[in-house]
Amino acid sequence: MRINCTLNLKRRINNHKQSGFSMLEVLVTILVVSFGLLGMAALITTGLRSNNTAHYRSIATQQTLDIADRMRANLTGVRAGNYDALTAVIPVSADCVAASCTAVQMSIYDQAQWNRANSVLLPGGVGTVAGNLAAGFLITLMWIEKEMGGVADPACPVGTAVNTRCFLTRFSP
C-alpha cells in the first residue's frame, strides 16, 4: 500500500510542474486587448464624424424646405422673377414682419432671413437659388466640412473651395 501511495504522489508532482501564466502569455494578451481597444476608438471616431455630417445634411434639408416654403408663400414674387437669381450675399431688407411689404420687398426679406439662418446654422453656410418658374429652381446650399479631408465635393460648381460640401435640390413651386 505504501508503494502505491508513493507512486501516486510522484505522478501528481510530475504533472504539476508548470503552474500560472508566463510573462510571454501576459504580454500577448495585453497586445491583443490593445489592438481591440484601438479598433473601438477608431470606430467611435468614425461614428462621431458621420454623425456630424448627417447633422449638417439634416440642417441643409430643413433650410432647403425653408426657402421653398417662402417661395410658395410669395407666388406673386416668384411669377415676377424675384427669386430667379438669389445670391449668397445677405441684402439689406425691410422688416416684413413689422410692416406690410410688396412682393419684391418680401423676396429680398426672404433672401436675407434665409442666408442669415444659413450662416448661423451651418459653418460658413451660404445659399443660392437659380432658375425660373417655367424650368424650375435649383436651390444650392454650401458649407465648410472639415471631415472631407481637403477634397472637393463633385456636386459643387467648378471653382468651389476644397472642404466645401454642396447640397443641391430641384424645386418647382
C-alpha atoms as a PDB file:
ATOM      1  CA  MET A   1       0.000   0.000   0.000  1.00  0.00           C
ATOM      2  CA  ARG A   2       2.799   2.316   0.815  1.00  0.00           C
ATOM      3  CA  ILE A   3       4.358   1.848  -2.619  1.00  0.00           C
ATOM      4  CA  ASN A   4       1.107   2.722  -4.338  1.00  0.00           C
ATOM      5  CA  CYS A   5       0.803   5.996  -2.356  1.00  0.00           C
ATOM      6  CA  THR A   6       4.353   6.956  -3.199  1.00  0.00           C
ATOM      7  CA  LEU A   7       3.795   6.384  -6.917  1.00  0.00           C
ATOM      8  CA  ASN A   8       0.596   8.428  -6.890  1.00  0.00           C
ATOM      9  CA  LEU A   9       2.399  11.271  -5.106  1.00  0.00           C
ATOM     10  CA  LYS A  10       5.226  11.234  -7.662  1.00  0.00           C
ATOM     11  CA  ARG A  11       2.717  11.375 -10.537  1.00  0.00           C
ATOM     12  CA  ARG A  12       0.980  14.376  -9.017  1.00  0.00           C
ATOM     13  CA  ILE A  13       4.256  16.217  -8.564  1.00  0.00           C
ATOM     14  CA  ASN A  14       5.379  15.469 -12.134  1.00  0.00           C
ATOM     15  CA  ASN A  15       2.027  16.538 -13.642  1.00  0.00           C
ATOM     16  CA  HIS A  16       2.025  19.911 -11.841  1.00  0.00           C
ATOM     17  CA  LYS A  17       5.450  21.239 -12.632  1.00  0.00           C
ATOM     18  CA  GLN A  18       4.100  24.269 -14.526  1.00  0.00           C
ATOM     19  CA  SER A  19       1.512  26.437 -12.820  1.00  0.00           C
ATOM     20  CA  GLY A  20       0.329  30.029 -13.522  1.00  0.00           C
ATOM     21  CA  PHE A  21       0.906  32.253 -16.580  1.00  0.00           C
ATOM     22  CA  SER A  22       4.234  33.063 -18.119  1.00  0.00           C
ATOM     23  CA  MET A  23       5.280  36.636 -18.842  1.00  0.00           C
ATOM     24  CA  LEU A  24       5.028  35.986 -22.580  1.00  0.00           C
ATOM     25  CA  GLU A  25       1.385  34.952 -22.324  1.00  0.00           C
ATOM     26  CA  VAL A  26       0.579  38.108 -20.370  1.00  0.00           C
ATOM     27  CA  LEU A  27       2.316  40.323 -22.970  1.00  0.00           C
ATOM     28  CA  VAL A  28       0.464  38.640 -25.849  1.00  0.00           C
ATOM     29  CA  THR A  29      -2.842  39.174 -24.026  1.00  0.00           C
ATOM     30  CA  ILE A  30      -2.059  42.855 -23.464  1.00  0.00           C
ATOM     31  CA  LEU A  31      -1.172  43.220 -27.163  1.00  0.00           C
ATOM     32  CA  VAL A  32      -4.426  41.611 -28.335  1.00  0.00           C
ATOM     33  CA  VAL A  33      -6.530  43.728 -25.955  1.00  0.00           C
ATOM     34  CA  SER A  34      -4.671  46.897 -27.069  1.00  0.00           C
ATOM     35  CA  PHE A  35      -5.476  46.245 -30.737  1.00  0.00           C
ATOM     36  CA  GLY A  36      -9.115  45.690 -29.802  1.00  0.00           C
ATOM     37  CA  LEU A  37      -9.269  48.976 -27.896  1.00  0.00           C
ATOM     38  CA  LEU A  38      -7.619  50.862 -30.775  1.00  0.00           C
ATOM     39  CA  GLY A  39     -10.208  49.393 -33.139  1.00  0.00           C
ATOM     40  CA  MET A  40     -13.020  50.517 -30.848  1.00  0.00           C
ATOM     41  CA  ALA A  41     -11.555  54.040 -30.660  1.00  0.00           C
ATOM     42  CA  ALA A  42     -11.377  54.215 -34.464  1.00  0.00           C
ATOM     43  CA  LEU A  43     -14.972  53.011 -34.692  1.00  0.00           C
ATOM     44  CA  ILE A  44     -16.169  55.662 -32.250  1.00  0.00           C
ATOM     45  CA  THR A  45     -14.253  58.414 -34.101  1.00  0.00           C
ATOM     46  CA  THR A  46     -15.749  57.368 -37.439  1.00  0.00           C
ATOM     47  CA  GLY A  47     -19.214  57.282 -35.904  1.00  0.00           C
ATOM     48  CA  LEU A  48     -18.844  60.789 -34.500  1.00  0.00           C
ATOM     49  CA  ARG A  49     -17.618  62.095 -37.852  1.00  0.00           C
ATOM     50  CA  SER A  50     -20.561  60.510 -39.667  1.00  0.00           C
ATOM     51  CA  ASN A  51     -22.959  61.879 -37.068  1.00  0.00           C
ATOM     52  CA  ASN A  52     -21.585  65.398 -37.633  1.00  0.00           C
ATOM     53  CA  THR A  53     -22.011  65.072 -41.409  1.00  0.00           C
ATOM     54  CA  ALA A  54     -25.561  63.768 -41.006  1.00  0.00           C
ATOM     55  CA  HIS A  55     -26.386  66.675 -38.688  1.00  0.00           C
ATOM     56  CA  TYR A  56     -25.270  69.239 -41.285  1.00  0.00           C
ATOM     57  CA  ARG A  57     -27.174  67.477 -44.063  1.00  0.00           C
ATOM     58  CA  SER A  58     -30.301  67.455 -41.932  1.00  0.00           C
ATOM     59  CA  ILE A  59     -29.973  71.214 -41.401  1.00  0.00           C
ATOM     60  CA  ALA A  60     -29.399  71.692 -45.141  1.00  0.00           C
ATOM     61  CA  THR A  61     -32.589  69.768 -45.869  1.00  0.00           C
ATOM     62  CA  GLN A  62     -34.556  71.945 -43.454  1.00  0.00           C
ATOM     63  CA  GLN A  63     -33.065  75.131 -44.919  1.00  0.00           C
ATOM     64  CA  THR A  64     -33.957  73.985 -48.432  1.00  0.00           C
ATOM     65  CA  LEU A  65     -37.524  73.417 -47.311  1.00  0.00           C
ATOM     66  CA  ASP A  66     -37.490  76.849 -45.662  1.00  0.00           C
ATOM     67  CA  ILE A  67     -36.709  78.770 -48.856  1.00  0.00           C
ATOM     68  CA  ALA A  68     -39.127  76.569 -50.837  1.00  0.00           C
ATOM     69  CA  ASP A  69     -41.911  77.419 -48.382  1.00  0.00           C
ATOM     70  CA  ARG A  70     -41.003  81.102 -48.543  1.00  0.00           C
ATOM     71  CA  MET A  71     -41.256  80.978 -52.323  1.00  0.00           C
ATOM     72  CA  ARG A  72     -44.622  79.188 -52.185  1.00  0.00           C
ATOM     73  CA  ALA A  73     -45.887  81.864 -49.794  1.00  0.00           C
ATOM     74  CA  ASN A  74     -44.876  84.625 -52.238  1.00  0.00           C
ATOM     75  CA  LEU A  75     -46.060  83.238 -55.587  1.00  0.00           C
ATOM     76  CA  THR A  76     -46.535  86.778 -56.880  1.00  0.00           C
ATOM     77  CA  GLY A  77     -42.795  87.355 -56.375  1.00  0.00           C
ATOM     78  CA  VAL A  78     -41.970  84.003 -57.992  1.00  0.00           C
ATOM     79  CA  ARG A  79     -44.106  84.837 -61.049  1.00  0.00           C
ATOM     80  CA  ALA A  80     -42.430  88.253 -61.294  1.00  0.00           C
ATOM     81  CA  GLY A  81     -38.975  86.589 -61.302  1.00  0.00           C
ATOM     82  CA  ASN A  82     -37.839  87.979 -57.950  1.00  0.00           C
ATOM     83  CA  TYR A  83     -36.438  84.577 -56.869  1.00  0.00           C
ATOM     84  CA  ASP A  84     -34.768  83.699 -60.187  1.00  0.00           C
ATOM     85  CA  ALA A  85     -31.223  84.564 -59.050  1.00  0.00           C
ATOM     86  CA  LEU A  86     -30.835  84.758 -55.263  1.00  0.00           C
ATOM     87  CA  THR A  87     -27.160  85.139 -54.403  1.00  0.00           C
ATOM     88  CA  ALA A  88     -25.225  84.208 -51.274  1.00  0.00           C
ATOM     89  CA  VAL A  89     -24.913  87.879 -50.301  1.00  0.00           C
ATOM     90  CA  ILE A  90     -27.188  88.911 -47.436  1.00  0.00           C
ATOM     91  CA  PRO A  91     -29.054  92.004 -48.659  1.00  0.00           C
ATOM     92  CA  VAL A  92     -30.362  94.836 -46.536  1.00  0.00           C
ATOM     93  CA  SER A  93     -34.108  94.437 -46.302  1.00  0.00           C
ATOM     94  CA  ALA A  94     -37.178  95.950 -44.738  1.00  0.00           C
ATOM     95  CA  ASP A  95     -38.772  94.214 -41.759  1.00  0.00           C
ATOM     96  CA  CYS A  96     -41.709  92.481 -43.411  1.00  0.00           C
ATOM     97  CA  VAL A  97     -42.949  91.111 -40.084  1.00  0.00           C
ATOM     98  CA  ALA A  98     -43.498  94.562 -38.554  1.00  0.00           C
ATOM     99  CA  ALA A  99     -44.844  96.201 -41.724  1.00  0.00           C
ATOM    100  CA  SER A 100     -46.544  95.034 -44.902  1.00  0.00           C
ATOM    101  CA  CYS A 101     -44.236  94.594 -47.879  1.00  0.00           C
ATOM    102  CA  THR A 102     -44.571  94.308 -51.630  1.00  0.00           C
ATOM    103  CA  ALA A 103     -43.696  91.073 -53.423  1.00  0.00           C
ATOM    104  CA  VAL A 104     -40.237  92.474 -54.295  1.00  0.00           C
ATOM    105  CA  GLN A 105     -39.562  93.550 -50.709  1.00  0.00           C
ATOM    106  CA  MET A 106     -40.739  90.143 -49.451  1.00  0.00           C
ATOM    107  CA  SER A 107     -38.353  88.306 -51.781  1.00  0.00           C
ATOM    108  CA  ILE A 108     -35.443  90.431 -50.525  1.00  0.00           C
ATOM    109  CA  TYR A 109     -36.545  89.844 -46.939  1.00  0.00           C
ATOM    110  CA  ASP A 110     -36.779  86.082 -47.587  1.00  0.00           C
ATOM    111  CA  GLN A 111     -33.279  86.029 -49.093  1.00  0.00           C
ATOM    112  CA  ALA A 112     -31.844  87.980 -46.142  1.00  0.00           C
ATOM    113  CA  GLN A 113     -33.541  85.847 -43.495  1.00  0.00           C
ATOM    114  CA  TRP A 114     -32.680  82.582 -45.233  1.00  0.00           C
ATOM    115  CA  ASN A 115     -28.997  83.331 -45.786  1.00  0.00           C
ATOM    116  CA  ARG A 116     -28.681  84.772 -42.278  1.00  0.00           C
ATOM    117  CA  ALA A 117     -30.018  81.478 -40.913  1.00  0.00           C
ATOM    118  CA  ASN A 118     -27.688  79.515 -43.226  1.00  0.00           C
ATOM    119  CA  SER A 119     -24.664  81.374 -41.881  1.00  0.00           C
ATOM    120  CA  VAL A 120     -25.710  80.674 -38.270  1.00  0.00           C
ATOM    121  CA  LEU A 121     -26.767  77.032 -38.623  1.00  0.00           C
ATOM    122  CA  LEU A 122     -24.040  75.777 -40.978  1.00  0.00           C
ATOM    123  CA  PRO A 123     -20.299  76.503 -40.688  1.00  0.00           C
ATOM    124  CA  GLY A 124     -19.625  79.016 -43.459  1.00  0.00           C
ATOM    125  CA  GLY A 125     -23.144  78.340 -44.736  1.00  0.00           C
ATOM    126  CA  VAL A 126     -24.473  80.187 -47.779  1.00  0.00           C
ATOM    127  CA  GLY A 127     -27.316  79.502 -50.158  1.00  0.00           C
ATOM    128  CA  THR A 128     -28.292  80.430 -53.692  1.00  0.00           C
ATOM    129  CA  VAL A 129     -31.391  79.950 -55.826  1.00  0.00           C
ATOM    130  CA  ALA A 130     -31.235  79.902 -59.629  1.00  0.00           C
ATOM    131  CA  GLY A 131     -33.835  79.182 -62.269  1.00  0.00           C
ATOM    132  CA  ASN A 132     -37.303  80.344 -63.213  1.00  0.00           C
ATOM    133  CA  LEU A 133     -40.924  79.337 -62.855  1.00  0.00           C
ATOM    134  CA  ALA A 134     -41.059  77.566 -66.232  1.00  0.00           C
ATOM    135  CA  ALA A 135     -37.880  75.444 -65.843  1.00  0.00           C
ATOM    136  CA  GLY A 136     -37.890  75.084 -62.062  1.00  0.00           C
ATOM    137  CA  PHE A 137     -35.398  76.274 -59.492  1.00  0.00           C
ATOM    138  CA  LEU A 138     -32.088  74.883 -58.264  1.00  0.00           C
ATOM    139  CA  ILE A 139     -31.519  75.540 -54.570  1.00  0.00           C
ATOM    140  CA  THR A 140     -27.853  75.196 -53.593  1.00  0.00           C
ATOM    141  CA  LEU A 141     -26.561  75.208 -50.030  1.00  0.00           C
ATOM    142  CA  MET A 142     -22.814  75.224 -49.322  1.00  0.00           C
ATOM    143  CA  TRP A 143     -20.930  74.876 -46.039  1.00  0.00           C
ATOM    144  CA  ILE A 144     -17.442  74.053 -44.787  1.00  0.00           C
ATOM    145  CA  GLU A 145     -16.977  70.443 -43.693  1.00  0.00           C
ATOM    146  CA  LYS A 146     -13.585  69.604 -42.161  1.00  0.00           C
ATOM    147  CA  GLU A 147     -14.257  65.866 -42.398  1.00  0.00           C
ATOM    148  CA  MET A 148     -13.828  65.990 -46.193  1.00  0.00           C
ATOM    149  CA  GLY A 149     -10.045  65.916 -45.797  1.00  0.00           C
ATOM    150  CA  GLY A 150      -9.116  68.538 -48.396  1.00  0.00           C
ATOM    151  CA  VAL A 151     -11.242  67.064 -51.186  1.00  0.00           C
ATOM    152  CA  ALA A 152     -13.609  68.989 -53.444  1.00  0.00           C
ATOM    153  CA  ASP A 153     -17.251  67.898 -53.489  1.00  0.00           C
ATOM    154  CA  PRO A 154     -18.188  66.778 -57.042  1.00  0.00           C
ATOM    155  CA  ALA A 155     -21.700  68.203 -56.538  1.00  0.00           C
ATOM    156  CA  CYS A 156     -20.282  71.726 -56.140  1.00  0.00           C
ATOM    157  CA  PRO A 157     -19.812  74.134 -59.032  1.00  0.00           C
ATOM    158  CA  VAL A 158     -16.357  74.261 -60.613  1.00  0.00           C
ATOM    159  CA  GLY A 159     -14.011  76.519 -58.672  1.00  0.00           C
ATOM    160  CA  THR A 160     -15.583  75.909 -55.260  1.00  0.00           C
ATOM    161  CA  ALA A 161     -13.029  75.703 -52.465  1.00  0.00           C
ATOM    162  CA  VAL A 162     -11.986  72.327 -51.062  1.00  0.00           C
ATOM    163  CA  ASN A 163     -13.719  71.093 -47.890  1.00  0.00           C
ATOM    164  CA  THR A 164     -16.938  72.725 -49.099  1.00  0.00           C
ATOM    165  CA  ARG A 165     -19.984  70.473 -49.121  1.00  0.00           C
ATOM    166  CA  CYS A 166     -22.808  71.286 -51.538  1.00  0.00           C
ATOM    167  CA  PHE A 167     -26.435  70.248 -51.169  1.00  0.00           C
ATOM    168  CA  LEU A 168     -28.493  70.738 -54.331  1.00  0.00           C
ATOM    169  CA  THR A 169     -32.264  70.469 -54.641  1.00  0.00           C
ATOM    170  CA  ARG A 170     -34.511  70.946 -57.654  1.00  0.00           C
ATOM    171  CA  PHE A 171     -37.748  72.698 -56.832  1.00  0.00           C
ATOM    172  CA  SER A 172     -40.861  73.729 -58.707  1.00  0.00           C
ATOM    173  CA  PRO A 173     -43.470  75.762 -56.790  1.00  0.00           C
END
